[in-house]
Amino acid sequence: MKIGVIDYGMGNLFSVEQALQRLGCEVIVTAQEHELDAADALLLPGVGAFPDAMKRLADTKLDCYLQKVKAENRPLLGICLGMQLLFEESAEVTPTKGLGFFKGSIQRFSGVQGEQSYRVPHMGWNELIVTNRPAWLKDEAPAEHVYFVHSFYAANIDEKELVAYADYHGIAVPGIVANGSITGMQFHPEKSGDLGVYLLEQWLKGVAAC
């Protein structure tokens, strides 16, 4: 299977590429649309600030390309910031429109819950609670925890699009979202041990089945 990792200058591409290769995928890392068109599925990584990422996508016209990907019902997986870009808007740094594939907005953890303060960013291992299994996620997982590192999260989402969440100081943080051929993972599956490998593998099997 050929996976196209979208290189728009804001992703931790090496670790994702290595994880996919260990699962037997041929991986192409590129911003060239004709090369991405040759892939069976696409992966949108991301590290950094939301406005910078959207500007990079716009400058390279990859934002328009991703709209075409969704319209053509092609499989796309967004990871970390890559998942956040799939939502309608973000409050990070300055209000910025996202790709709009999922309902909801990206907001910063306040750092306060009631009278208690908590650490921001949300960083470390957290239990992933599955609420709505898509077709590609049928079997029981080999572990329960995944690795998060982020200061912003998706809020006001459509609950029908929520697959799994993590409880962080009373906040139900969307961990996996899905809408048709589009999937997002807020955590880093490539850094999440057995469960991360399992989730990537199941998503790939779902792509192959389609």
N, C-alpha and C. Protein backbone atom coordinates (compact mmCIF):
# COMPACT_ATOMS: atom_id res chain seq x y z
N MET A 1 0.84 -1.20 0.00
CA MET A 1 0.00 0.00 0.00
C MET A 1 0.88 1.25 0.00
N LYS A 2 0.50 2.24 -0.79
CA LYS A 2 1.27 3.47 -0.89
C LYS A 2 0.56 4.58 -0.10
N ILE A 3 1.27 5.17 0.84
CA ILE A 3 0.73 6.25 1.66
C ILE A 3 1.48 7.54 1.33
N GLY A 4 0.74 8.60 1.03
CA GLY A 4 1.33 9.90 0.76
C GLY A 4 1.31 10.76 2.01
N VAL A 5 2.48 11.08 2.54
CA VAL A 5 2.59 11.98 3.69
C VAL A 5 2.76 13.40 3.15
N ILE A 6 1.82 14.26 3.49
CA ILE A 6 1.78 15.61 2.93
C ILE A 6 2.82 16.49 3.61
N ASP A 7 3.79 16.93 2.84
CA ASP A 7 4.90 17.73 3.37
C ASP A 7 4.66 19.21 3.06
N TYR A 8 4.13 19.94 4.05
CA TYR A 8 3.91 21.37 3.88
C TYR A 8 4.80 22.18 4.81
N GLY A 9 5.84 21.50 5.34
CA GLY A 9 6.84 22.20 6.12
C GLY A 9 6.58 22.30 7.60
N MET A 10 5.55 21.58 8.12
CA MET A 10 5.22 21.70 9.54
C MET A 10 4.87 20.34 10.15
N GLY A 11 5.63 19.32 9.81
CA GLY A 11 5.31 18.01 10.34
C GLY A 11 6.55 17.29 10.84
N ASN A 12 6.36 16.41 11.83
CA ASN A 12 7.42 15.53 12.27
C ASN A 12 7.38 14.30 11.36
N LEU A 13 7.95 14.46 10.16
CA LEU A 13 7.72 13.50 9.10
C LEU A 13 8.47 12.19 9.30
N PHE A 14 9.66 12.25 9.90
CA PHE A 14 10.50 11.05 9.98
C PHE A 14 9.84 9.95 10.80
N SER A 15 9.32 10.30 11.99
CA SER A 15 8.76 9.27 12.87
C SER A 15 7.51 8.66 12.26
N VAL A 16 6.68 9.48 11.60
CA VAL A 16 5.48 8.95 10.94
C VAL A 16 5.87 8.05 9.78
N GLU A 17 6.83 8.49 8.99
CA GLU A 17 7.30 7.69 7.86
C GLU A 17 7.83 6.33 8.33
N GLN A 18 8.63 6.35 9.39
CA GLN A 18 9.19 5.10 9.91
C GLN A 18 8.11 4.16 10.42
N ALA A 19 7.10 4.70 11.11
CA ALA A 19 6.01 3.88 11.63
C ALA A 19 5.24 3.21 10.50
N LEU A 20 4.97 3.95 9.44
CA LEU A 20 4.24 3.39 8.30
C LEU A 20 5.07 2.34 7.58
N GLN A 21 6.35 2.58 7.45
CA GLN A 21 7.22 1.61 6.79
C GLN A 21 7.30 0.32 7.59
N ARG A 22 7.32 0.42 8.90
CA ARG A 22 7.35 -0.79 9.74
C ARG A 22 6.07 -1.62 9.57
N LEU A 23 5.00 -0.97 9.15
CA LEU A 23 3.75 -1.69 8.90
C LEU A 23 3.63 -2.14 7.45
N GLY A 24 4.72 -2.04 6.70
CA GLY A 24 4.76 -2.58 5.35
C GLY A 24 4.31 -1.65 4.26
N CYS A 25 4.18 -0.36 4.56
CA CYS A 25 3.71 0.60 3.57
C CYS A 25 4.87 1.17 2.75
N GLU A 26 4.58 1.47 1.51
CA GLU A 26 5.47 2.31 0.71
C GLU A 26 5.06 3.75 1.02
N VAL A 27 6.01 4.57 1.41
CA VAL A 27 5.70 5.93 1.85
C VAL A 27 6.36 6.94 0.92
N ILE A 28 5.56 7.92 0.48
CA ILE A 28 6.10 9.04 -0.27
C ILE A 28 5.82 10.31 0.54
N VAL A 29 6.85 11.09 0.77
CA VAL A 29 6.74 12.35 1.51
C VAL A 29 6.89 13.47 0.49
N THR A 30 5.83 14.23 0.27
CA THR A 30 5.85 15.18 -0.85
C THR A 30 4.77 16.24 -0.70
N ALA A 31 4.95 17.34 -1.40
CA ALA A 31 3.92 18.37 -1.55
C ALA A 31 3.39 18.41 -2.97
N GLN A 32 3.87 17.51 -3.82
CA GLN A 32 3.48 17.49 -5.23
C GLN A 32 2.15 16.75 -5.41
N GLU A 33 1.18 17.44 -5.97
CA GLU A 33 -0.16 16.86 -6.07
C GLU A 33 -0.18 15.60 -6.92
N HIS A 34 0.56 15.57 -8.02
CA HIS A 34 0.53 14.40 -8.89
C HIS A 34 1.11 13.18 -8.18
N GLU A 35 2.07 13.39 -7.28
CA GLU A 35 2.60 12.27 -6.51
C GLU A 35 1.61 11.83 -5.44
N LEU A 36 0.95 12.78 -4.80
CA LEU A 36 -0.07 12.44 -3.81
C LEU A 36 -1.25 11.72 -4.44
N ASP A 37 -1.56 12.07 -5.68
CA ASP A 37 -2.66 11.41 -6.39
C ASP A 37 -2.39 9.93 -6.62
N ALA A 38 -1.11 9.55 -6.63
CA ALA A 38 -0.75 8.15 -6.87
C ALA A 38 -0.83 7.30 -5.60
N ALA A 39 -1.10 7.93 -4.46
CA ALA A 39 -1.15 7.21 -3.19
C ALA A 39 -2.53 6.61 -2.95
N ASP A 40 -2.56 5.51 -2.18
CA ASP A 40 -3.83 4.88 -1.81
C ASP A 40 -4.54 5.67 -0.71
N ALA A 41 -3.78 6.35 0.13
CA ALA A 41 -4.33 7.16 1.20
C ALA A 41 -3.32 8.24 1.55
N LEU A 42 -3.79 9.27 2.24
CA LEU A 42 -2.95 10.42 2.58
C LEU A 42 -2.90 10.62 4.08
N LEU A 43 -1.78 11.16 4.54
CA LEU A 43 -1.61 11.47 5.95
C LEU A 43 -1.15 12.92 6.08
N LEU A 44 -1.84 13.67 6.92
CA LEU A 44 -1.53 15.08 7.17
C LEU A 44 -0.97 15.22 8.57
N PRO A 45 0.36 15.35 8.72
CA PRO A 45 0.94 15.52 10.05
C PRO A 45 0.89 16.99 10.44
N GLY A 46 1.51 17.34 11.56
CA GLY A 46 1.54 18.75 11.93
C GLY A 46 2.12 18.99 13.30
N VAL A 47 3.07 19.91 13.37
CA VAL A 47 3.63 20.38 14.63
C VAL A 47 3.79 21.89 14.51
N GLY A 48 3.30 22.64 15.50
CA GLY A 48 3.43 24.09 15.45
C GLY A 48 2.09 24.78 15.65
N ALA A 49 1.98 26.00 15.15
CA ALA A 49 0.80 26.83 15.37
C ALA A 49 -0.18 26.71 14.20
N PHE A 50 -1.45 26.71 14.53
CA PHE A 50 -2.54 26.57 13.55
C PHE A 50 -2.48 27.62 12.44
N PRO A 51 -2.36 28.93 12.75
CA PRO A 51 -2.34 29.92 11.66
C PRO A 51 -1.18 29.73 10.70
N ASP A 52 -0.02 29.38 11.23
CA ASP A 52 1.15 29.15 10.38
C ASP A 52 0.91 27.98 9.44
N ALA A 53 0.30 26.93 9.99
CA ALA A 53 0.04 25.74 9.19
C ALA A 53 -0.96 26.03 8.08
N MET A 54 -2.03 26.75 8.39
CA MET A 54 -3.03 27.07 7.36
C MET A 54 -2.42 27.97 6.28
N LYS A 55 -1.52 28.87 6.69
CA LYS A 55 -0.86 29.73 5.69
C LYS A 55 0.03 28.90 4.77
N ARG A 56 0.74 27.93 5.35
CA ARG A 56 1.59 27.07 4.52
C ARG A 56 0.74 26.28 3.53
N LEU A 57 -0.39 25.76 4.00
CA LEU A 57 -1.27 25.01 3.11
C LEU A 57 -1.81 25.91 2.00
N ALA A 58 -2.17 27.14 2.34
CA ALA A 58 -2.70 28.07 1.34
C ALA A 58 -1.61 28.47 0.35
N ASP A 59 -0.41 28.74 0.84
CA ASP A 59 0.69 29.17 -0.03
C ASP A 59 1.04 28.11 -1.07
N THR A 60 0.89 26.84 -0.67
CA THR A 60 1.22 25.74 -1.58
C THR A 60 -0.02 25.21 -2.33
N LYS A 61 -1.18 25.85 -2.05
CA LYS A 61 -2.46 25.44 -2.64
C LYS A 61 -2.86 24.02 -2.22
N LEU A 62 -2.23 23.53 -1.17
CA LEU A 62 -2.62 22.22 -0.66
C LEU A 62 -3.96 22.27 0.07
N ASP A 63 -4.37 23.45 0.52
CA ASP A 63 -5.71 23.56 1.12
C ASP A 63 -6.78 23.23 0.09
N CYS A 64 -6.62 23.73 -1.12
CA CYS A 64 -7.58 23.41 -2.20
C CYS A 64 -7.48 21.94 -2.59
N TYR A 65 -6.26 21.43 -2.59
CA TYR A 65 -6.08 20.01 -2.93
C TYR A 65 -6.78 19.13 -1.91
N LEU A 66 -6.70 19.47 -0.63
CA LEU A 66 -7.34 18.67 0.41
C LEU A 66 -8.86 18.73 0.30
N GLN A 67 -9.40 19.86 -0.12
CA GLN A 67 -10.84 19.94 -0.38
C GLN A 67 -11.23 18.96 -1.49
N LYS A 68 -10.38 18.84 -2.49
CA LYS A 68 -10.63 17.89 -3.57
C LYS A 68 -10.55 16.46 -3.06
N VAL A 69 -9.59 16.20 -2.18
CA VAL A 69 -9.45 14.87 -1.58
C VAL A 69 -10.74 14.47 -0.86
N LYS A 70 -11.29 15.39 -0.09
CA LYS A 70 -12.53 15.10 0.63
C LYS A 70 -13.69 14.88 -0.34
N ALA A 71 -13.79 15.74 -1.37
CA ALA A 71 -14.88 15.63 -2.33
C ALA A 71 -14.82 14.30 -3.08
N GLU A 72 -13.61 13.79 -3.29
CA GLU A 72 -13.43 12.52 -3.99
C GLU A 72 -13.50 11.32 -3.05
N ASN A 73 -13.75 11.58 -1.76
CA ASN A 73 -13.92 10.51 -0.77
C ASN A 73 -12.66 9.66 -0.62
N ARG A 74 -11.50 10.29 -0.72
CA ARG A 74 -10.23 9.57 -0.56
C ARG A 74 -9.84 9.52 0.91
N PRO A 75 -9.23 8.43 1.36
CA PRO A 75 -8.86 8.31 2.77
C PRO A 75 -7.78 9.31 3.16
N LEU A 76 -8.03 10.01 4.27
CA LEU A 76 -7.09 11.01 4.80
C LEU A 76 -7.05 10.88 6.31
N LEU A 77 -5.84 10.85 6.86
CA LEU A 77 -5.65 10.80 8.31
C LEU A 77 -4.85 12.02 8.75
N GLY A 78 -5.42 12.83 9.65
CA GLY A 78 -4.71 13.96 10.23
C GLY A 78 -4.22 13.60 11.62
N ILE A 79 -2.96 13.94 11.93
CA ILE A 79 -2.37 13.61 13.22
C ILE A 79 -1.94 14.89 13.93
N CYS A 80 -2.31 14.99 15.22
CA CYS A 80 -1.96 16.11 16.11
C CYS A 80 -2.44 17.44 15.49
N LEU A 81 -1.56 18.37 15.18
CA LEU A 81 -2.01 19.61 14.53
C LEU A 81 -2.71 19.30 13.21
N GLY A 82 -2.27 18.23 12.54
CA GLY A 82 -2.93 17.82 11.30
C GLY A 82 -4.39 17.50 11.50
N MET A 83 -4.75 16.93 12.65
CA MET A 83 -6.16 16.70 12.97
C MET A 83 -6.86 18.03 13.22
N GLN A 84 -6.23 18.93 13.97
CA GLN A 84 -6.88 20.19 14.32
C GLN A 84 -7.19 21.02 13.08
N LEU A 85 -6.34 20.94 12.07
CA LEU A 85 -6.57 21.69 10.82
C LEU A 85 -7.84 21.25 10.11
N LEU A 86 -8.33 20.06 10.43
CA LEU A 86 -9.53 19.53 9.77
C LEU A 86 -10.81 20.13 10.33
N PHE A 87 -10.70 20.92 11.40
CA PHE A 87 -11.89 21.53 12.01
C PHE A 87 -12.20 22.91 11.40
N GLU A 88 -13.30 23.49 11.83
CA GLU A 88 -13.79 24.72 11.21
C GLU A 88 -12.92 25.94 11.48
N GLU A 89 -12.40 26.04 12.70
CA GLU A 89 -11.65 27.24 13.06
C GLU A 89 -10.82 26.99 14.30
N SER A 90 -9.90 27.92 14.56
CA SER A 90 -9.05 27.82 15.75
C SER A 90 -8.87 29.20 16.37
N ALA A 91 -8.75 29.20 17.70
CA ALA A 91 -8.48 30.45 18.44
C ALA A 91 -7.00 30.61 18.75
N GLU A 92 -6.14 29.71 18.24
CA GLU A 92 -4.71 29.78 18.56
C GLU A 92 -4.06 31.00 17.90
N VAL A 93 -3.41 31.82 18.71
CA VAL A 93 -2.71 33.04 18.29
C VAL A 93 -3.70 34.09 17.79
N THR A 94 -4.41 33.78 16.72
CA THR A 94 -5.43 34.68 16.16
C THR A 94 -6.52 33.83 15.53
N PRO A 95 -7.79 34.26 15.56
CA PRO A 95 -8.85 33.44 14.96
C PRO A 95 -8.54 33.11 13.50
N THR A 96 -8.59 31.82 13.18
CA THR A 96 -8.19 31.35 11.85
C THR A 96 -9.14 30.26 11.39
N LYS A 97 -9.57 30.36 10.15
CA LYS A 97 -10.43 29.33 9.56
C LYS A 97 -9.61 28.08 9.26
N GLY A 98 -10.22 26.92 9.52
CA GLY A 98 -9.61 25.65 9.18
C GLY A 98 -10.21 25.08 7.91
N LEU A 99 -9.97 23.81 7.68
CA LEU A 99 -10.46 23.15 6.46
C LEU A 99 -11.95 22.84 6.52
N GLY A 100 -12.50 22.72 7.73
CA GLY A 100 -13.94 22.56 7.87
C GLY A 100 -14.47 21.16 7.60
N PHE A 101 -13.62 20.15 7.70
CA PHE A 101 -14.08 18.77 7.46
C PHE A 101 -14.84 18.22 8.66
N PHE A 102 -14.56 18.78 9.84
CA PHE A 102 -15.26 18.41 11.06
C PHE A 102 -15.88 19.65 11.68
N LYS A 103 -17.02 19.47 12.34
CA LYS A 103 -17.65 20.57 13.06
C LYS A 103 -16.89 20.81 14.37
N GLY A 104 -16.68 22.07 14.71
CA GLY A 104 -16.06 22.38 15.98
C GLY A 104 -14.93 23.38 15.84
N SER A 105 -14.44 23.83 16.99
CA SER A 105 -13.36 24.83 17.00
C SER A 105 -12.23 24.36 17.90
N ILE A 106 -11.04 24.83 17.60
CA ILE A 106 -9.85 24.48 18.38
C ILE A 106 -9.62 25.55 19.43
N GLN A 107 -9.64 25.14 20.70
CA GLN A 107 -9.51 26.07 21.81
C GLN A 107 -8.36 25.65 22.72
N ARG A 108 -7.84 26.61 23.48
CA ARG A 108 -6.73 26.33 24.39
C ARG A 108 -7.26 25.80 25.71
N PHE A 109 -6.56 24.83 26.27
CA PHE A 109 -6.85 24.42 27.65
C PHE A 109 -6.70 25.64 28.55
N SER A 110 -7.67 25.84 29.44
CA SER A 110 -7.62 27.01 30.31
C SER A 110 -6.58 26.87 31.41
N GLY A 111 -6.28 25.63 31.81
CA GLY A 111 -5.35 25.41 32.91
C GLY A 111 -6.00 25.47 34.27
N VAL A 112 -7.33 25.72 34.29
CA VAL A 112 -8.05 25.80 35.56
C VAL A 112 -9.36 25.03 35.43
N GLN A 113 -9.63 24.17 36.40
CA GLN A 113 -10.90 23.44 36.45
C GLN A 113 -11.47 23.61 37.85
N GLY A 114 -12.53 24.44 37.96
CA GLY A 114 -13.03 24.77 39.29
C GLY A 114 -12.01 25.62 40.03
N GLU A 115 -11.61 25.15 41.19
CA GLU A 115 -10.60 25.86 41.97
C GLU A 115 -9.21 25.25 41.80
N GLN A 116 -9.11 24.23 40.96
CA GLN A 116 -7.85 23.53 40.78
C GLN A 116 -7.19 23.93 39.46
N SER A 117 -5.88 24.10 39.50
CA SER A 117 -5.14 24.34 38.27
C SER A 117 -4.57 23.02 37.76
N TYR A 118 -4.31 22.95 36.47
CA TYR A 118 -3.70 21.76 35.89
C TYR A 118 -2.70 22.17 34.83
N ARG A 119 -1.87 21.22 34.46
CA ARG A 119 -0.76 21.52 33.57
C ARG A 119 -1.21 21.68 32.12
N VAL A 120 -0.70 22.71 31.50
CA VAL A 120 -0.84 22.92 30.06
C VAL A 120 0.58 23.12 29.52
N PRO A 121 1.01 22.33 28.54
CA PRO A 121 0.21 21.46 27.69
C PRO A 121 -0.19 20.14 28.34
N HIS A 122 -1.18 19.53 27.74
CA HIS A 122 -1.56 18.14 28.05
C HIS A 122 -0.47 17.27 27.43
N MET A 123 0.39 16.72 28.27
CA MET A 123 1.54 16.00 27.75
C MET A 123 1.75 14.71 28.53
N GLY A 124 1.77 13.60 27.82
CA GLY A 124 2.01 12.32 28.45
C GLY A 124 0.97 11.28 28.03
N TRP A 125 0.97 10.18 28.75
CA TRP A 125 0.10 9.06 28.42
C TRP A 125 -1.27 9.24 29.07
N ASN A 126 -2.31 8.95 28.30
CA ASN A 126 -3.67 9.11 28.79
C ASN A 126 -4.53 7.98 28.23
N GLU A 127 -5.49 7.53 29.01
CA GLU A 127 -6.38 6.46 28.56
C GLU A 127 -7.27 6.96 27.43
N LEU A 128 -7.42 6.14 26.41
CA LEU A 128 -8.28 6.44 25.27
C LEU A 128 -9.58 5.66 25.43
N ILE A 129 -10.68 6.37 25.51
CA ILE A 129 -11.99 5.76 25.75
C ILE A 129 -12.80 5.78 24.45
N VAL A 130 -13.07 4.61 23.91
CA VAL A 130 -13.78 4.50 22.63
C VAL A 130 -15.28 4.59 22.88
N THR A 131 -15.95 5.46 22.11
CA THR A 131 -17.38 5.67 22.27
C THR A 131 -18.19 5.25 21.03
N ASN A 132 -17.55 5.25 19.88
CA ASN A 132 -18.28 5.00 18.63
C ASN A 132 -17.31 4.39 17.62
N ARG A 133 -17.39 3.09 17.43
CA ARG A 133 -16.41 2.40 16.60
C ARG A 133 -16.74 2.53 15.11
N PRO A 134 -15.82 3.09 14.32
CA PRO A 134 -16.01 3.07 12.87
C PRO A 134 -15.76 1.67 12.33
N ALA A 135 -16.01 1.47 11.04
CA ALA A 135 -15.90 0.14 10.45
C ALA A 135 -14.49 -0.42 10.58
N TRP A 136 -13.47 0.45 10.56
CA TRP A 136 -12.09 -0.05 10.60
C TRP A 136 -11.59 -0.39 12.00
N LEU A 137 -12.39 -0.08 13.03
CA LEU A 137 -11.96 -0.31 14.41
C LEU A 137 -12.94 -1.26 15.09
N LYS A 138 -12.80 -2.56 14.81
CA LYS A 138 -13.78 -3.53 15.28
C LYS A 138 -13.28 -4.35 16.46
N ASP A 139 -12.00 -4.70 16.47
CA ASP A 139 -11.48 -5.62 17.47
C ASP A 139 -11.06 -4.90 18.74
N GLU A 140 -10.87 -5.67 19.80
CA GLU A 140 -10.41 -5.10 21.06
C GLU A 140 -8.94 -4.68 20.94
N ALA A 141 -8.61 -3.55 21.53
CA ALA A 141 -7.26 -3.01 21.45
C ALA A 141 -6.32 -3.75 22.40
N PRO A 142 -5.02 -3.79 22.09
CA PRO A 142 -4.05 -4.48 22.94
C PRO A 142 -3.62 -3.66 24.16
N ALA A 143 -4.00 -2.40 24.21
CA ALA A 143 -3.61 -1.52 25.32
C ALA A 143 -4.67 -0.41 25.44
N GLU A 144 -4.51 0.46 26.42
CA GLU A 144 -5.51 1.49 26.67
C GLU A 144 -4.99 2.91 26.53
N HIS A 145 -3.69 3.10 26.58
CA HIS A 145 -3.14 4.45 26.68
C HIS A 145 -2.38 4.87 25.42
N VAL A 146 -2.48 6.17 25.12
CA VAL A 146 -1.77 6.76 23.98
C VAL A 146 -1.06 8.02 24.47
N TYR A 147 -0.16 8.53 23.63
CA TYR A 147 0.69 9.65 24.03
C TYR A 147 0.23 10.96 23.40
N PHE A 148 -0.10 11.93 24.26
CA PHE A 148 -0.53 13.25 23.83
C PHE A 148 0.54 14.29 24.13
N VAL A 149 0.60 15.32 23.29
CA VAL A 149 1.37 16.52 23.61
C VAL A 149 0.74 17.68 22.84
N HIS A 150 -0.09 18.48 23.54
CA HIS A 150 -0.79 19.59 22.88
C HIS A 150 -1.37 20.54 23.92
N SER A 151 -1.50 21.80 23.52
CA SER A 151 -2.08 22.83 24.39
C SER A 151 -3.47 23.24 23.94
N PHE A 152 -3.88 22.80 22.75
CA PHE A 152 -5.18 23.13 22.19
C PHE A 152 -5.92 21.84 21.87
N TYR A 153 -7.25 21.90 21.92
CA TYR A 153 -8.07 20.71 21.67
C TYR A 153 -9.35 21.10 20.94
N ALA A 154 -10.00 20.12 20.35
CA ALA A 154 -11.24 20.37 19.60
C ALA A 154 -12.43 20.43 20.56
N ALA A 155 -13.18 21.52 20.48
CA ALA A 155 -14.35 21.73 21.33
C ALA A 155 -15.59 21.96 20.46
N ASN A 156 -16.76 21.81 21.08
CA ASN A 156 -18.04 22.03 20.39
C ASN A 156 -18.16 21.17 19.14
N ILE A 157 -17.74 19.91 19.28
CA ILE A 157 -17.73 19.02 18.12
C ILE A 157 -19.10 18.37 17.93
N ASP A 158 -19.26 17.71 16.80
CA ASP A 158 -20.43 16.88 16.54
C ASP A 158 -20.16 15.51 17.17
N GLU A 159 -20.96 15.14 18.16
CA GLU A 159 -20.71 13.90 18.89
C GLU A 159 -20.78 12.68 17.97
N LYS A 160 -21.49 12.77 16.86
CA LYS A 160 -21.55 11.65 15.92
C LYS A 160 -20.21 11.42 15.25
N GLU A 161 -19.35 12.43 15.24
CA GLU A 161 -18.03 12.31 14.62
C GLU A 161 -16.95 11.87 15.60
N LEU A 162 -17.32 11.75 16.88
CA LEU A 162 -16.35 11.36 17.91
C LEU A 162 -16.22 9.84 17.96
N VAL A 163 -15.00 9.35 17.84
CA VAL A 163 -14.71 7.92 17.95
C VAL A 163 -14.18 7.58 19.34
N ALA A 164 -13.27 8.41 19.86
CA ALA A 164 -12.67 8.13 21.16
C ALA A 164 -12.18 9.43 21.78
N TYR A 165 -12.16 9.45 23.11
CA TYR A 165 -11.70 10.65 23.81
C TYR A 165 -10.83 10.27 24.99
N ALA A 166 -10.14 11.27 25.54
CA ALA A 166 -9.36 11.11 26.77
C ALA A 166 -9.87 12.12 27.79
N ASP A 167 -9.99 11.70 29.02
CA ASP A 167 -10.43 12.60 30.09
C ASP A 167 -9.20 13.30 30.66
N TYR A 168 -9.13 14.61 30.48
CA TYR A 168 -8.02 15.39 31.04
C TYR A 168 -8.60 16.45 31.98
N HIS A 169 -8.56 16.17 33.27
CA HIS A 169 -9.08 17.06 34.30
C HIS A 169 -10.53 17.46 34.02
N GLY A 170 -11.33 16.45 33.70
CA GLY A 170 -12.75 16.66 33.48
C GLY A 170 -13.13 17.12 32.09
N ILE A 171 -12.14 17.35 31.22
CA ILE A 171 -12.41 17.74 29.84
C ILE A 171 -12.33 16.50 28.96
N ALA A 172 -13.39 16.26 28.21
CA ALA A 172 -13.40 15.14 27.27
C ALA A 172 -12.67 15.58 26.01
N VAL A 173 -11.39 15.24 25.92
CA VAL A 173 -10.54 15.69 24.82
C VAL A 173 -10.70 14.71 23.65
N PRO A 174 -11.24 15.16 22.50
CA PRO A 174 -11.37 14.26 21.36
C PRO A 174 -10.00 13.69 20.96
N GLY A 175 -9.92 12.36 20.97
CA GLY A 175 -8.67 11.69 20.61
C GLY A 175 -8.70 11.16 19.19
N ILE A 176 -9.87 10.63 18.77
CA ILE A 176 -10.07 10.18 17.39
C ILE A 176 -11.42 10.71 16.92
N VAL A 177 -11.44 11.28 15.74
CA VAL A 177 -12.69 11.71 15.10
C VAL A 177 -12.73 11.11 13.70
N ALA A 178 -13.93 10.91 13.18
CA ALA A 178 -14.07 10.34 11.84
C ALA A 178 -15.33 10.87 11.18
N ASN A 179 -15.20 11.17 9.90
CA ASN A 179 -16.33 11.64 9.09
C ASN A 179 -16.12 11.11 7.68
N GLY A 180 -16.81 10.02 7.35
CA GLY A 180 -16.63 9.40 6.04
C GLY A 180 -15.21 8.90 5.87
N SER A 181 -14.53 9.37 4.84
CA SER A 181 -13.16 8.92 4.56
C SER A 181 -12.11 9.70 5.33
N ILE A 182 -12.54 10.68 6.13
CA ILE A 182 -11.60 11.56 6.86
C ILE A 182 -11.51 11.13 8.32
N THR A 183 -10.29 10.95 8.80
CA THR A 183 -10.05 10.55 10.19
C THR A 183 -9.02 11.48 10.81
N GLY A 184 -9.17 11.73 12.10
CA GLY A 184 -8.19 12.53 12.82
C GLY A 184 -7.79 11.87 14.12
N MET A 185 -6.51 11.96 14.47
CA MET A 185 -6.00 11.47 15.75
C MET A 185 -5.23 12.60 16.41
N GLN A 186 -5.70 13.03 17.59
CA GLN A 186 -5.03 14.13 18.29
C GLN A 186 -3.69 13.69 18.89
N PHE A 187 -3.62 12.48 19.36
CA PHE A 187 -2.38 11.94 19.93
C PHE A 187 -1.42 11.55 18.80
N HIS A 188 -0.23 11.09 19.19
CA HIS A 188 0.77 10.65 18.22
C HIS A 188 0.76 9.13 18.16
N PRO A 189 0.11 8.51 17.19
CA PRO A 189 0.09 7.04 17.15
C PRO A 189 1.49 6.45 16.98
N GLU A 190 2.36 7.18 16.28
CA GLU A 190 3.72 6.68 16.04
C GLU A 190 4.58 6.68 17.30
N LYS A 191 4.07 7.32 18.38
CA LYS A 191 4.80 7.37 19.65
C LYS A 191 4.02 6.70 20.78
N SER A 192 2.96 5.99 20.43
CA SER A 192 2.01 5.49 21.42
C SER A 192 2.06 3.98 21.64
N GLY A 193 3.22 3.39 21.43
CA GLY A 193 3.39 1.99 21.77
C GLY A 193 2.45 1.06 21.04
N ASP A 194 2.04 -0.01 21.74
CA ASP A 194 1.22 -1.05 21.12
C ASP A 194 -0.10 -0.52 20.60
N LEU A 195 -0.75 0.36 21.37
CA LEU A 195 -2.05 0.87 20.94
C LEU A 195 -1.91 1.77 19.72
N GLY A 196 -0.88 2.58 19.68
CA GLY A 196 -0.65 3.43 18.52
C GLY A 196 -0.42 2.64 17.26
N VAL A 197 0.42 1.60 17.35
CA VAL A 197 0.68 0.72 16.21
C VAL A 197 -0.61 0.04 15.77
N TYR A 198 -1.37 -0.45 16.74
CA TYR A 198 -2.64 -1.12 16.44
C TYR A 198 -3.60 -0.20 15.69
N LEU A 199 -3.72 1.04 16.16
CA LEU A 199 -4.66 1.98 15.53
C LEU A 199 -4.24 2.33 14.11
N LEU A 200 -2.95 2.56 13.91
CA LEU A 200 -2.46 2.82 12.55
C LEU A 200 -2.71 1.62 11.65
N GLU A 201 -2.45 0.42 12.18
CA GLU A 201 -2.63 -0.80 11.39
C GLU A 201 -4.10 -1.01 11.03
N GLN A 202 -4.98 -0.77 11.99
CA GLN A 202 -6.41 -0.93 11.72
C GLN A 202 -6.90 0.09 10.69
N TRP A 203 -6.40 1.31 10.80
CA TRP A 203 -6.79 2.33 9.81
C TRP A 203 -6.32 1.92 8.42
N LEU A 204 -5.10 1.41 8.31
CA LEU A 204 -4.57 0.95 7.03
C LEU A 204 -5.39 -0.21 6.48
N LYS A 205 -5.80 -1.13 7.34
CA LYS A 205 -6.64 -2.25 6.91
C LYS A 205 -7.99 -1.74 6.40
N GLY A 206 -8.51 -0.70 7.06
CA GLY A 206 -9.76 -0.10 6.59
C GLY A 206 -9.60 0.53 5.23
N VAL A 207 -8.45 1.18 5.00
CA VAL A 207 -8.17 1.75 3.68
C VAL A 207 -8.11 0.64 2.64
N ALA A 208 -7.42 -0.44 2.96
CA ALA A 208 -7.28 -1.55 2.01
C ALA A 208 -8.63 -2.17 1.69
N ALA A 209 -9.50 -2.27 2.70
CA ALA A 209 -10.82 -2.88 2.50
C ALA A 209 -11.69 -2.03 1.59
N CYS A 210 -11.43 -0.73 1.57
CA CYS A 210 -12.24 0.17 0.73
C CYS A 210 -11.72 0.22 -0.70
